[in-house]
Amino acid sequence: MNPPADRRRAGFSSAAAAVVVAVALLSVTHLAGAAGERGVVQPSGGGELLGRHGRDSAAGGGGGACALAVTPLGYPCEEHQVTTEDGYILSLQRIPRGRGGGGGAAAGGRAGQPVLLQHGVLVDGMTWLLASPEESLAFILADRGFDVWIANNRGTRWSRRHVSLDPSSRLYWNWSWDDLVVNDLPAMVDFVFTQTGQKPHYVGHSMGTLVALAAFSEGRAVDKLKSAALLTPVAYLGHITTPIGLLLAKAFVGEVLADFLGLAEFNPTSPPVAKLIRAFCRKPGTNCYDLLGSITGKNYCLNSSAVDVFLKYEPQPTSTKTMVHFAQTVRDGVLTKYDYVLPERNIASYGQAEPPVYTMSDIPASFPLFLTYGGRDSLADPVDVRLLLDDLRGHDPDKLTVQYLEQFAHLDFVIGVCAKDYVYKDMIAFLDRFS
């Protein structure tokens, strides 16, 4: 049952505000000290469209993630595109086998088991490629014989195209993560399935888990996936503990940005957002120089070089509507579709005055799931993850694997130097079991 309307509309918890700006705080504060160090290869604005589904003819991808981060390390890489039902042109990178052909299929032969990697909010597919080949999940999987596909959400550096809209327009950014559930995830899964002739595994982190869980609860994509591995699974956000939220106790920052500053694109590096964040960082007692720990929890195995590389290539934009949607999820304590606040707008969109709930217990009980979460995570808080596990109590026990790592926080699962030993080893064993 949905929360009462008065609670949904009234006030805002400190945690809610933090969800809206937390990761942005990290990136914007970094700008002052590293504005000249980003070194990101930007996508070209022109170029011929490849049609609804296509692949760049050059293996290196002509300046995309393949050329930037994959082929220089000796891995084969292909740049692909898929167009969603609502016209967004998404970029995917494919690493079909390991270095020197090792670990994968021989040239001309059948590729290995496909796996689709989906990143979180305010980052892109580069997050799977930033560590060494021995530590980055994408490379580890390729060297283990998997056919690796890397997703990039709409609005990020290599997925900023549309069949008719320009990223400079407000209409381009008129979407929330609901649209990733309905359009982006199914389109990418369908594309990988069509290209390979095999059902892929799905691996998501943070928002990549949220979108997947919401999609699975509605029966989307489960018939074209073999399994899903969810790193720091997010379905509830009512217990996040990030202390930065204390500064924003009664501020619905997402609505401020959307309604008063007119920002449809939430770009943490843009001047309006940067100005707002710097104002918060000047508050007494605010430590904006240790934001990784204060936002994500105290990560267990991040070293300084890993953080430096991460900040060199991230953050990425998203829609302000998505950030508002996250904040609503914290405020309401339940996972619903985007709340337009005005009952008449919700009725026009959903046929009811309150936004529909994503019911986690509706995820098919026979669908294989691997969930791993950390005891120090301030975003995917253990209490919230256990609420999700309670929803999944009717799941087939042979199809549900849960891993709890007491010392891990949010980023350990993606760029932690020890994730290969503590997370990926067990996760790959799970994927092999259902391949």
Protein backbone atom coordinates (compact mmCIF):
# COMPACT_ATOMS: atom_id res chain seq x y z
CA MET A 1 0.00 0.00 0.00
CA ASN A 2 1.23 3.50 -0.82
CA PRO A 3 2.16 5.85 2.03
CA PRO A 4 -0.47 8.44 2.97
CA ALA A 5 -0.53 11.40 0.64
CA ASP A 6 0.27 13.88 3.41
CA ARG A 7 3.49 12.03 4.29
CA ARG A 8 4.45 11.77 0.65
CA ARG A 9 4.07 15.52 0.12
CA ALA A 10 5.25 16.86 3.46
CA GLY A 11 8.75 17.85 4.41
CA PHE A 12 11.90 16.00 3.50
CA SER A 13 14.32 13.92 5.48
CA SER A 14 18.00 14.68 5.57
CA ALA A 15 18.63 11.40 3.82
CA ALA A 16 16.26 12.29 1.02
CA ALA A 17 18.09 15.46 0.22
CA ALA A 18 21.38 13.63 0.35
CA VAL A 19 20.30 11.16 -2.29
CA VAL A 20 19.62 14.01 -4.67
CA VAL A 21 23.03 15.62 -4.38
CA ALA A 22 25.40 13.19 -2.71
CA VAL A 23 27.29 11.88 -5.68
CA ALA A 24 27.16 15.32 -7.29
CA LEU A 25 28.87 16.74 -4.23
CA LEU A 26 31.72 14.35 -4.78
CA SER A 27 32.27 15.34 -8.35
CA VAL A 28 31.69 19.08 -8.13
CA THR A 29 34.02 19.61 -5.21
CA HIS A 30 36.66 17.76 -7.13
CA LEU A 31 36.42 20.30 -9.93
CA ALA A 32 38.21 23.03 -8.01
CA GLY A 33 41.34 20.93 -7.65
CA ALA A 34 41.27 18.94 -10.83
CA ALA A 35 39.45 20.93 -13.49
CA GLY A 36 42.43 20.66 -15.76
CA GLU A 37 43.03 16.97 -15.15
CA ARG A 38 39.86 15.34 -16.45
CA GLY A 39 41.45 14.24 -19.71
CA VAL A 40 38.20 12.68 -20.94
CA VAL A 41 37.91 11.95 -24.63
CA GLN A 42 34.65 13.61 -25.62
CA PRO A 43 32.36 12.06 -28.22
CA SER A 44 32.16 13.71 -31.59
CA GLY A 45 28.95 15.56 -32.26
CA GLY A 46 28.66 14.48 -35.87
CA GLY A 47 29.02 11.24 -37.72
CA GLU A 48 26.62 9.15 -39.71
CA LEU A 49 23.91 7.36 -37.79
CA LEU A 50 24.12 3.60 -37.97
CA GLY A 51 20.39 3.09 -38.08
CA ARG A 52 18.24 1.53 -35.36
CA HIS A 53 20.88 -1.06 -34.48
CA GLY A 54 24.42 -0.91 -35.70
CA ARG A 55 28.11 -1.44 -35.12
CA ASP A 56 31.08 0.76 -35.90
CA SER A 57 33.21 -0.85 -38.59
CA ALA A 58 36.44 0.04 -36.82
CA ALA A 59 37.25 -2.28 -33.95
CA GLY A 60 38.56 0.61 -31.91
CA GLY A 61 35.29 2.51 -32.12
CA GLY A 62 36.74 5.83 -33.34
CA GLY A 63 37.19 7.62 -30.01
CA GLY A 64 34.66 5.80 -27.84
CA ALA A 65 35.33 3.72 -24.77
CA CYS A 66 36.92 1.00 -26.88
CA ALA A 67 39.67 3.29 -28.16
CA LEU A 68 40.07 5.05 -24.83
CA ALA A 69 40.22 2.18 -22.38
CA VAL A 70 40.07 -1.26 -23.99
CA THR A 71 42.08 -1.72 -27.18
CA PRO A 72 45.20 0.00 -25.73
CA LEU A 73 45.35 -2.90 -23.26
CA GLY A 74 45.31 -5.53 -26.01
CA TYR A 75 41.64 -6.55 -25.85
CA PRO A 76 39.39 -6.74 -28.90
CA CYS A 77 36.52 -4.26 -28.67
CA GLU A 78 33.51 -3.27 -30.73
CA GLU A 79 31.31 -0.18 -30.52
CA HIS A 80 27.59 -0.85 -30.93
CA GLN A 81 24.45 1.26 -30.87
CA VAL A 82 20.84 0.53 -30.04
CA THR A 83 17.88 2.88 -30.38
CA THR A 84 15.16 2.72 -27.75
CA GLU A 85 11.44 2.83 -28.46
CA ASP A 86 11.40 6.49 -27.41
CA GLY A 87 14.27 7.39 -29.74
CA TYR A 88 17.39 7.52 -27.54
CA ILE A 89 20.52 6.16 -29.22
CA LEU A 90 22.55 4.20 -26.68
CA SER A 91 26.17 3.12 -26.90
CA LEU A 92 27.34 -0.35 -25.94
CA GLN A 93 30.88 -1.69 -25.98
CA ARG A 94 31.58 -5.35 -26.62
CA ILE A 95 34.69 -7.21 -25.49
CA PRO A 96 34.08 -10.59 -27.15
CA ARG A 97 37.08 -12.40 -25.68
CA GLY A 98 40.20 -11.95 -23.60
CA ARG A 99 43.58 -10.58 -24.57
CA GLY A 100 45.30 -12.33 -27.44
CA GLY A 101 42.18 -14.44 -28.00
CA GLY A 102 42.75 -16.14 -24.68
CA GLY A 103 39.79 -17.23 -22.61
CA GLY A 104 37.21 -16.72 -25.35
CA ALA A 105 36.15 -18.35 -28.55
CA ALA A 106 38.61 -18.67 -31.35
CA ALA A 107 38.31 -16.22 -34.23
CA GLY A 108 35.29 -17.08 -36.33
CA GLY A 109 33.93 -19.43 -33.71
CA ARG A 110 31.01 -19.12 -31.35
CA ALA A 111 31.50 -16.40 -28.76
CA GLY A 112 31.39 -17.14 -25.08
CA GLN A 113 28.46 -16.67 -22.74
CA PRO A 114 27.31 -13.02 -23.03
CA VAL A 115 27.05 -10.82 -19.95
CA LEU A 116 25.68 -7.27 -19.85
CA LEU A 117 27.22 -4.81 -17.36
CA GLN A 118 25.05 -1.89 -16.21
CA HIS A 119 26.51 1.06 -14.28
CA GLY A 120 24.93 3.30 -11.64
CA VAL A 121 23.75 6.91 -11.59
CA LEU A 122 26.02 9.85 -12.54
CA VAL A 123 28.62 7.53 -14.06
CA ASP A 124 28.83 5.49 -17.26
CA GLY A 125 30.25 2.22 -18.56
CA MET A 126 33.80 3.44 -18.00
CA THR A 127 33.43 2.51 -14.32
CA TRP A 128 33.87 -1.16 -15.30
CA LEU A 129 37.17 -0.37 -17.06
CA LEU A 130 39.06 1.99 -14.77
CA ALA A 131 41.22 -0.44 -12.80
CA SER A 132 43.87 -2.77 -14.17
CA PRO A 133 42.84 -5.79 -16.26
CA GLU A 134 43.43 -7.93 -13.20
CA GLU A 135 41.01 -5.83 -11.13
CA SER A 136 38.34 -4.53 -13.56
CA LEU A 137 35.28 -6.75 -13.83
CA ALA A 138 34.88 -6.30 -17.59
CA PHE A 139 38.40 -7.54 -18.29
CA ILE A 140 38.22 -10.31 -15.71
CA LEU A 141 35.05 -11.66 -17.32
CA ALA A 142 36.53 -11.44 -20.83
CA ASP A 143 39.63 -13.33 -19.71
CA ARG A 144 37.37 -15.96 -18.18
CA GLY A 145 35.71 -16.57 -21.54
CA PHE A 146 32.64 -14.36 -21.28
CA ASP A 147 31.38 -12.19 -24.13
CA VAL A 148 31.20 -8.84 -22.30
CA TRP A 149 28.77 -6.06 -23.20
CA ILE A 150 28.98 -2.69 -21.43
CA ALA A 151 25.90 -0.46 -21.28
CA ASN A 152 25.86 3.34 -21.19
CA ASN A 153 22.69 5.09 -20.01
CA ARG A 154 21.00 7.82 -21.99
CA GLY A 155 22.53 11.24 -21.38
CA THR A 156 26.05 9.98 -20.59
CA ARG A 157 29.04 10.86 -22.76
CA TRP A 158 28.57 8.20 -25.44
CA SER A 159 24.78 7.97 -25.29
CA ARG A 160 23.79 11.60 -25.87
CA ARG A 161 22.02 11.15 -29.20
CA HIS A 162 18.37 10.91 -30.16
CA VAL A 163 16.55 10.42 -33.42
CA SER A 164 15.01 13.91 -33.22
CA LEU A 165 15.88 15.67 -29.93
CA ASP A 166 19.05 17.59 -29.08
CA PRO A 167 20.69 17.27 -25.64
CA SER A 168 20.50 21.06 -25.31
CA SER A 169 16.70 20.88 -25.24
CA ARG A 170 14.59 20.33 -22.13
CA LEU A 171 12.55 17.67 -23.94
CA TYR A 172 15.64 15.49 -24.31
CA TRP A 173 15.94 15.30 -20.51
CA ASN A 174 12.27 14.69 -19.77
CA TRP A 175 12.68 11.23 -18.29
CA SER A 176 13.31 9.49 -15.00
CA TRP A 177 14.71 6.06 -14.24
CA ASP A 178 11.22 4.70 -14.99
CA ASP A 179 12.11 5.20 -18.63
CA LEU A 180 15.27 3.13 -18.20
CA VAL A 181 13.04 0.36 -16.85
CA VAL A 182 10.58 0.53 -19.72
CA ASN A 183 12.87 1.41 -22.63
CA ASP A 184 16.64 1.22 -22.11
CA LEU A 185 17.06 -2.06 -20.25
CA PRO A 186 14.74 -4.08 -22.53
CA ALA A 187 16.32 -2.55 -25.65
CA MET A 188 19.86 -3.45 -24.58
CA VAL A 189 18.94 -6.95 -23.45
CA ASP A 190 17.07 -7.56 -26.71
CA PHE A 191 20.04 -6.29 -28.70
CA VAL A 192 22.59 -8.52 -26.98
CA PHE A 193 20.23 -11.49 -27.29
CA THR A 194 19.73 -10.82 -31.02
CA GLN A 195 23.43 -10.24 -31.72
CA THR A 196 24.68 -13.33 -29.89
CA GLY A 197 21.79 -15.75 -30.16
CA GLN A 198 22.17 -16.39 -26.43
CA LYS A 199 20.46 -15.14 -23.31
CA PRO A 200 22.94 -12.90 -21.47
CA HIS A 201 23.62 -12.66 -17.77
CA TYR A 202 23.02 -9.23 -16.26
CA VAL A 203 25.36 -7.53 -13.78
CA GLY A 204 24.30 -4.21 -12.26
CA HIS A 205 25.66 -1.82 -9.67
CA SER A 206 23.66 0.70 -7.62
CA MET A 207 21.06 2.27 -9.97
CA GLY A 208 21.82 -0.58 -12.35
CA THR A 209 20.29 -2.86 -9.72
CA LEU A 210 17.34 -0.57 -9.08
CA VAL A 211 16.36 -0.48 -12.75
CA ALA A 212 16.75 -4.24 -13.03
CA LEU A 213 14.69 -5.02 -9.93
CA ALA A 214 11.92 -2.69 -11.07
CA ALA A 215 11.95 -4.25 -14.53
CA PHE A 216 11.94 -7.82 -13.19
CA SER A 217 9.03 -6.99 -10.89
CA GLU A 218 7.00 -6.14 -13.98
CA GLY A 219 8.16 -9.23 -15.85
CA ARG A 220 10.42 -7.27 -18.20
CA ALA A 221 13.54 -8.91 -19.67
CA VAL A 222 13.46 -11.98 -17.42
CA ASP A 223 12.59 -14.21 -20.37
CA LYS A 224 15.72 -13.05 -22.23
CA LEU A 225 18.21 -13.21 -19.36
CA LYS A 226 19.84 -16.23 -17.76
CA SER A 227 20.40 -14.56 -14.39
CA ALA A 228 21.17 -11.28 -12.67
CA ALA A 229 24.01 -10.40 -10.30
CA LEU A 230 23.22 -7.26 -8.31
CA LEU A 231 26.08 -5.42 -6.59
CA THR A 232 24.83 -3.16 -3.76
CA PRO A 233 21.16 -3.79 -4.61
CA VAL A 234 18.88 -0.77 -4.30
CA ALA A 235 15.13 -1.14 -3.88
CA TYR A 236 14.67 0.82 -0.65
CA LEU A 237 16.52 3.97 0.42
CA GLY A 238 14.85 4.93 3.66
CA HIS A 239 17.84 4.07 5.86
CA ILE A 240 20.75 5.69 4.05
CA THR A 241 23.18 7.15 6.56
CA THR A 242 25.26 9.61 4.53
CA PRO A 243 25.98 12.50 6.93
CA ILE A 244 25.93 15.19 4.24
CA GLY A 245 22.15 14.94 4.35
CA LEU A 246 22.19 16.72 7.71
CA LEU A 247 22.88 19.97 5.84
CA LEU A 248 19.79 19.52 3.71
CA ALA A 249 17.29 18.48 6.33
CA LYS A 250 14.24 20.15 4.85
CA ALA A 251 15.34 20.82 1.29
CA PHE A 252 13.94 18.93 -1.66
CA VAL A 253 16.96 19.88 -3.76
CA GLY A 254 15.78 18.07 -6.87
CA GLU A 255 12.61 20.15 -7.00
CA VAL A 256 14.63 23.32 -6.37
CA LEU A 257 16.84 22.55 -9.33
CA ALA A 258 13.97 21.56 -11.59
CA ASP A 259 11.47 24.26 -10.73
CA PHE A 260 13.52 27.28 -9.79
CA LEU A 261 16.75 26.98 -11.72
CA GLY A 262 15.06 25.43 -14.73
CA LEU A 263 17.54 22.58 -14.96
CA ALA A 264 16.31 19.59 -16.91
CA GLU A 265 19.83 18.13 -17.18
CA PHE A 266 21.52 17.37 -13.88
CA ASN A 267 25.17 17.83 -14.77
CA PRO A 268 27.37 17.91 -11.64
CA THR A 269 30.01 19.87 -13.53
CA SER A 270 27.66 22.64 -14.69
CA PRO A 271 28.01 26.11 -13.12
CA PRO A 272 24.51 26.26 -11.52
CA VAL A 273 24.91 22.93 -9.76
CA ALA A 274 28.54 23.63 -8.85
CA LYS A 275 27.56 26.97 -7.31
CA LEU A 276 24.88 25.31 -5.21
CA ILE A 277 27.21 22.57 -4.03
CA ARG A 278 29.99 24.98 -3.11
CA ALA A 279 27.51 26.86 -0.95
CA PHE A 280 26.72 23.67 0.97
CA CYS A 281 30.42 22.89 1.32
CA ARG A 282 30.99 26.22 3.06
CA LYS A 283 28.66 25.22 5.87
CA PRO A 284 30.51 24.87 9.19
CA GLY A 285 31.53 21.33 9.97
CA THR A 286 31.17 20.12 6.39
CA ASN A 287 34.04 17.96 5.17
CA CYS A 288 33.93 18.24 1.41
CA TYR A 289 37.40 16.78 1.10
CA ASP A 290 36.47 13.30 2.24
CA LEU A 291 33.28 12.94 0.26
CA LEU A 292 33.83 9.36 -0.82
CA GLY A 293 33.69 8.21 2.76
CA SER A 294 30.91 10.54 3.82
CA ILE A 295 28.71 9.65 0.83
CA THR A 296 29.32 5.98 0.14
CA GLY A 297 30.48 4.79 3.54
CA LYS A 298 34.05 3.99 4.49
CA ASN A 299 35.26 1.89 1.60
CA TYR A 300 37.43 -1.06 2.54
CA CYS A 301 39.83 -1.45 -0.37
CA LEU A 302 39.98 1.75 -2.40
CA ASN A 303 43.45 3.12 -2.84
CA SER A 304 44.26 6.69 -3.77
CA SER A 305 45.19 5.83 -7.35
CA ALA A 306 41.83 4.11 -7.89
CA VAL A 307 40.02 7.20 -6.61
CA ASP A 308 42.14 9.49 -8.79
CA VAL A 309 41.35 7.47 -11.91
CA PHE A 310 37.65 7.35 -11.03
CA LEU A 311 37.50 11.13 -10.63
CA LYS A 312 39.36 11.64 -13.89
CA TYR A 313 36.63 10.01 -15.96
CA GLU A 314 33.49 10.60 -13.92
CA PRO A 315 30.89 12.03 -13.22
CA GLN A 316 28.35 11.95 -16.02
CA PRO A 317 25.05 13.81 -16.37
CA THR A 318 21.59 12.43 -15.80
CA SER A 319 18.16 14.01 -15.84
CA THR A 320 17.08 16.16 -12.91
CA LYS A 321 13.86 14.17 -13.00
CA THR A 322 15.86 11.04 -12.16
CA MET A 323 17.44 12.75 -9.15
CA VAL A 324 14.01 13.88 -7.96
CA HIS A 325 12.77 10.31 -8.38
CA PHE A 326 15.59 9.03 -6.17
CA ALA A 327 14.68 11.58 -3.53
CA GLN A 328 11.03 10.51 -3.65
CA THR A 329 12.13 6.92 -3.07
CA VAL A 330 13.90 7.95 0.13
CA ARG A 331 11.09 10.14 1.34
CA ASP A 332 8.32 7.62 0.73
CA GLY A 333 10.11 4.52 1.96
CA VAL A 334 8.71 2.53 -0.95
CA LEU A 335 9.70 2.00 -4.57
CA THR A 336 7.18 3.61 -6.90
CA LYS A 337 7.04 5.12 -10.33
CA TYR A 338 7.77 8.83 -10.60
CA ASP A 339 5.40 10.94 -8.51
CA TYR A 340 4.12 14.00 -10.37
CA VAL A 341 2.76 15.26 -7.00
CA LEU A 342 -0.43 16.65 -8.53
CA PRO A 343 -3.08 13.91 -8.51
CA GLU A 344 -4.38 14.94 -11.92
CA ARG A 345 -0.94 14.47 -13.46
CA ASN A 346 -0.53 11.06 -11.87
CA ILE A 347 -3.98 10.10 -13.12
CA ALA A 348 -3.06 11.22 -16.63
CA SER A 349 0.13 9.11 -16.51
CA TYR A 350 -0.97 6.08 -14.49
CA GLY A 351 -4.74 6.14 -14.27
CA GLN A 352 -4.59 6.67 -10.50
CA ALA A 353 -3.87 9.50 -8.09
CA GLU A 354 -0.79 7.86 -6.55
CA PRO A 355 2.14 6.44 -8.55
CA PRO A 356 2.07 2.64 -8.87
CA VAL A 357 4.36 0.62 -6.61
CA TYR A 358 7.07 -1.69 -7.94
CA THR A 359 6.37 -4.87 -6.00
CA MET A 360 9.59 -6.77 -5.40
CA SER A 361 7.79 -9.96 -4.42
CA ASP A 362 6.45 -10.11 -7.99
CA ILE A 363 9.93 -10.94 -9.32
CA PRO A 364 9.61 -14.48 -10.72
CA ALA A 365 10.70 -16.88 -7.99
CA SER A 366 12.54 -19.11 -10.44
CA PHE A 367 14.74 -16.33 -11.87
CA PRO A 368 18.35 -16.75 -10.66
CA LEU A 369 19.57 -13.84 -8.53
CA PHE A 370 22.94 -13.10 -6.90
CA LEU A 371 22.87 -10.23 -4.38
CA THR A 372 25.96 -8.87 -2.67
CA TYR A 373 26.03 -5.96 -0.23
CA GLY A 374 28.29 -4.35 2.34
CA GLY A 375 28.01 -3.55 6.03
CA ARG A 376 29.55 -0.08 5.63
CA ASP A 377 27.47 1.05 2.65
CA SER A 378 25.79 4.39 3.38
CA LEU A 379 23.69 4.31 0.20
CA ALA A 380 22.58 0.68 -0.14
CA ASP A 381 22.26 0.44 3.62
CA PRO A 382 22.15 -3.12 5.03
CA VAL A 383 18.77 -2.42 6.66
CA ASP A 384 17.30 -1.47 3.29
CA VAL A 385 18.84 -4.49 1.56
CA ARG A 386 17.33 -6.74 4.21
CA LEU A 387 13.92 -5.25 3.46
CA LEU A 388 14.45 -6.35 -0.13
CA LEU A 389 15.52 -9.81 1.02
CA ASP A 390 12.35 -10.00 3.08
CA ASP A 391 10.37 -9.29 -0.10
CA LEU A 392 12.24 -12.15 -1.76
CA ARG A 393 11.60 -14.67 1.01
CA GLY A 394 9.36 -16.65 -1.35
CA HIS A 395 12.12 -16.92 -3.96
CA ASP A 396 13.33 -20.39 -4.93
CA PRO A 397 16.25 -20.90 -2.50
CA ASP A 398 18.22 -22.72 -5.19
CA LYS A 399 17.96 -19.62 -7.37
CA LEU A 400 18.90 -16.99 -4.79
CA THR A 401 22.47 -16.43 -3.63
CA VAL A 402 23.20 -13.71 -1.07
CA GLN A 403 26.65 -12.46 -0.07
CA TYR A 404 27.24 -10.04 2.81
CA LEU A 405 30.62 -8.36 3.27
CA GLU A 406 30.80 -6.59 6.61
CA GLN A 407 33.70 -4.29 5.72
CA PHE A 408 32.58 -3.26 2.21
CA ALA A 409 31.00 0.05 1.19
CA HIS A 410 29.38 1.23 -2.04
CA LEU A 411 32.38 1.67 -4.35
CA ASP A 412 34.36 -1.33 -3.13
CA PHE A 413 32.19 -3.53 -5.37
CA VAL A 414 33.25 -1.74 -8.58
CA ILE A 415 36.65 -0.10 -8.15
CA GLY A 416 37.91 -1.74 -4.97
CA VAL A 417 41.26 -3.42 -5.52
CA CYS A 418 40.12 -6.48 -3.57
CA ALA A 419 36.71 -6.92 -5.23
CA LYS A 420 38.20 -9.59 -7.49
CA ASP A 421 38.86 -11.79 -4.47
CA TYR A 422 35.86 -11.01 -2.26
CA VAL A 423 33.10 -10.39 -4.83
CA TYR A 424 33.91 -11.41 -8.39
CA LYS A 425 35.13 -14.90 -7.58
CA ASP A 426 31.80 -15.90 -6.03
CA MET A 427 29.81 -13.98 -8.60
CA ILE A 428 31.52 -15.73 -11.51
CA ALA A 429 30.89 -19.08 -9.86
CA PHE A 430 27.21 -18.10 -9.77
CA LEU A 431 27.23 -17.08 -13.44
CA ASP A 432 28.95 -20.33 -14.42
CA ARG A 433 26.32 -22.29 -12.53
CA PHE A 434 23.54 -20.79 -14.64
CA SER A 435 25.36 -20.56 -17.98
